[in-house]
C-alpha atoms as a PDB file:
ATOM      1  CA  UNK A   1     -27.784   0.886 -20.237  1.00  0.00           C
ATOM      2  CA  UNK A   2     -26.262  -2.513 -19.524  1.00  0.00           C
ATOM      3  CA  UNK A   3     -23.888  -2.978 -16.638  1.00  0.00           C
ATOM      4  CA  UNK A   4     -20.810  -4.315 -18.443  1.00  0.00           C
ATOM      5  CA  UNK A   5     -18.029  -5.591 -16.183  1.00  0.00           C
ATOM      6  CA  UNK A   6     -14.573  -6.087 -17.623  1.00  0.00           C
ATOM      7  CA  UNK A   7     -12.544  -9.189 -16.878  1.00  0.00           C
ATOM      8  CA  UNK A   8     -10.890  -8.551 -13.533  1.00  0.00           C
ATOM      9  CA  UNK A   9      -8.342 -10.834 -11.933  1.00  0.00           C
ATOM     10  CA  UNK A  10      -9.599 -12.922  -9.036  1.00  0.00           C
ATOM     11  CA  UNK A  11      -6.950 -14.481  -6.813  1.00  0.00           C
ATOM     12  CA  UNK A  12      -7.001 -16.681  -3.716  1.00  0.00           C
ATOM     13  CA  UNK A  13      -4.297 -16.220  -1.113  1.00  0.00           C
ATOM     14  CA  UNK A  14      -3.242 -16.314   2.520  1.00  0.00           C
ATOM     15  CA  UNK A  15      -3.258 -13.241   4.756  1.00  0.00           C
ATOM     16  CA  UNK A  16       0.221 -12.560   6.134  1.00  0.00           C
ATOM     17  CA  UNK A  17      -0.422  -9.153   7.733  1.00  0.00           C
ATOM     18  CA  UNK A  18      -3.453  -7.329   9.126  1.00  0.00           C
ATOM     19  CA  UNK A  19      -1.692  -4.580  11.086  1.00  0.00           C
ATOM     20  CA  UNK A  20      -3.106  -1.731   8.982  1.00  0.00           C
ATOM     21  CA  UNK A  21      -6.562  -0.196   9.296  1.00  0.00           C
ATOM     22  CA  UNK A  22      -8.918  -1.510   6.574  1.00  0.00           C
ATOM     23  CA  UNK A  23      -5.984  -3.123   4.735  1.00  0.00           C
ATOM     24  CA  UNK A  24      -4.429  -6.576   4.592  1.00  0.00           C
ATOM     25  CA  UNK A  25      -1.442  -8.121   2.843  1.00  0.00           C
ATOM     26  CA  UNK A  26      -2.318 -11.273   0.895  1.00  0.00           C
ATOM     27  CA  UNK A  27       0.313 -13.766  -0.279  1.00  0.00           C
ATOM     28  CA  UNK A  28      -0.687 -15.568  -3.479  1.00  0.00           C
ATOM     29  CA  UNK A  29       1.039 -18.817  -4.450  1.00  0.00           C
ATOM     30  CA  UNK A  30       1.397 -20.031  -8.038  1.00  0.00           C
ATOM     31  CA  UNK A  31       3.246 -22.862  -9.754  1.00  0.00           C
ATOM     32  CA  UNK A  32       5.573 -22.241 -12.696  1.00  0.00           C
ATOM     33  CA  UNK A  33       7.535 -24.756 -14.713  1.00  0.00           C
ATOM     34  CA  UNK A  34      11.301 -24.377 -15.057  1.00  0.00           C
ATOM     35  CA  UNK A  35      12.225 -23.784 -18.692  1.00  0.00           C
ATOM     36  CA  UNK A  36      15.176 -26.191 -18.810  1.00  0.00           C
ATOM     37  CA  UNK A  37      14.532 -28.781 -16.100  1.00  0.00           C
ATOM     38  CA  UNK A  38      10.711 -28.870 -16.390  1.00  0.00           C
ATOM     39  CA  UNK A  39      10.320 -29.025 -12.616  1.00  0.00           C
ATOM     40  CA  UNK A  40       7.373 -27.184 -11.090  1.00  0.00           C
ATOM     41  CA  UNK A  41       8.358 -24.506  -8.589  1.00  0.00           C
ATOM     42  CA  UNK A  42       6.326 -22.386  -6.174  1.00  0.00           C
ATOM     43  CA  UNK A  43       6.368 -18.635  -6.691  1.00  0.00           C
ATOM     44  CA  UNK A  44       4.835 -16.136  -4.266  1.00  0.00           C
ATOM     45  CA  UNK A  45       3.660 -12.567  -4.642  1.00  0.00           C
ATOM     46  CA  UNK A  46       2.197 -10.223  -2.037  1.00  0.00           C
ATOM     47  CA  UNK A  47      -0.741  -7.936  -2.762  1.00  0.00           C
ATOM     48  CA  UNK A  48      -2.185  -5.169  -0.596  1.00  0.00           C
ATOM     49  CA  UNK A  49      -5.974  -5.472  -0.434  1.00  0.00           C
ATOM     50  CA  UNK A  50      -8.789  -3.360   0.979  1.00  0.00           C
ATOM     51  CA  UNK A  51     -10.757  -4.931   3.852  1.00  0.00           C
ATOM     52  CA  UNK A  52     -13.604  -2.530   4.591  1.00  0.00           C
ATOM     53  CA  UNK A  53     -14.881  -4.040   7.852  1.00  0.00           C
ATOM     54  CA  UNK A  54     -11.573  -5.380   9.268  1.00  0.00           C
ATOM     55  CA  UNK A  55     -12.889  -8.963   9.477  1.00  0.00           C
ATOM     56  CA  UNK A  56      -9.778 -10.735   8.120  1.00  0.00           C
ATOM     57  CA  UNK A  57      -7.085 -12.120  10.414  1.00  0.00           C
ATOM     58  CA  UNK A  58      -3.599 -13.532   9.851  1.00  0.00           C
ATOM     59  CA  UNK A  59      -3.821 -17.076   8.473  1.00  0.00           C
ATOM     60  CA  UNK A  60      -7.211 -16.677   6.785  1.00  0.00           C
ATOM     61  CA  UNK A  61      -7.541 -17.747   3.161  1.00  0.00           C
ATOM     62  CA  UNK A  62      -9.342 -15.028   1.199  1.00  0.00           C
ATOM     63  CA  UNK A  63     -10.506 -14.240  -2.315  1.00  0.00           C
ATOM     64  CA  UNK A  64      -9.434 -10.864  -3.725  1.00  0.00           C
ATOM     65  CA  UNK A  65     -10.477  -9.060  -6.900  1.00  0.00           C
ATOM     66  CA  UNK A  66      -8.759  -6.377  -8.921  1.00  0.00           C
ATOM     67  CA  UNK A  67     -10.155  -2.851  -8.573  1.00  0.00           C
ATOM     68  CA  UNK A  68      -9.254   0.761  -9.259  1.00  0.00           C
ATOM     69  CA  UNK A  69      -6.255   2.159  -7.348  1.00  0.00           C
ATOM     70  CA  UNK A  70      -7.366   2.844  -3.782  1.00  0.00           C
ATOM     71  CA  UNK A  71      -4.016   4.102  -2.500  1.00  0.00           C
ATOM     72  CA  UNK A  72      -0.336   3.982  -3.406  1.00  0.00           C
ATOM     73  CA  UNK A  73      -0.148   0.175  -3.041  1.00  0.00           C
ATOM     74  CA  UNK A  74      -3.759  -1.082  -2.868  1.00  0.00           C
ATOM     75  CA  UNK A  75      -5.157  -2.354  -6.184  1.00  0.00           C
ATOM     76  CA  UNK A  76      -7.293  -5.227  -4.835  1.00  0.00           C
ATOM     77  CA  UNK A  77     -10.207  -5.646  -2.437  1.00  0.00           C
ATOM     78  CA  UNK A  78     -11.279  -8.624  -0.362  1.00  0.00           C
ATOM     79  CA  UNK A  79     -14.479 -10.195  -1.709  1.00  0.00           C
ATOM     80  CA  UNK A  80     -14.820 -13.040   0.765  1.00  0.00           C
ATOM     81  CA  UNK A  81     -13.178 -15.374   3.240  1.00  0.00           C
ATOM     82  CA  UNK A  82     -12.660 -18.880   1.858  1.00  0.00           C
ATOM     83  CA  UNK A  83     -11.340 -20.406   5.097  1.00  0.00           C
ATOM     84  CA  UNK A  84     -11.085 -18.958   8.626  1.00  0.00           C
ATOM     85  CA  UNK A  85      -8.346 -19.857  11.073  1.00  0.00           C
ATOM     86  CA  UNK A  86      -9.233 -20.866  14.601  1.00  0.00           C
END
């Protein structure tokens, strides 16, 4: 049988909290255009993501992917670190 993977959302965001065990909060930024004034505005949304080995720190830029519900709030998991902070 073939391993068929559905289209899952992949997002890139900034870690704003790593206080939990094996969990991080990732803030994702997107640009939307105002309907009347046509100006581009920043919009933010926070996602709880699963970090299995606790390698992510506040300020890191990470890539997250959608997954099955892991807890009440966690619907994403960290797939990799794009940029580490020093």
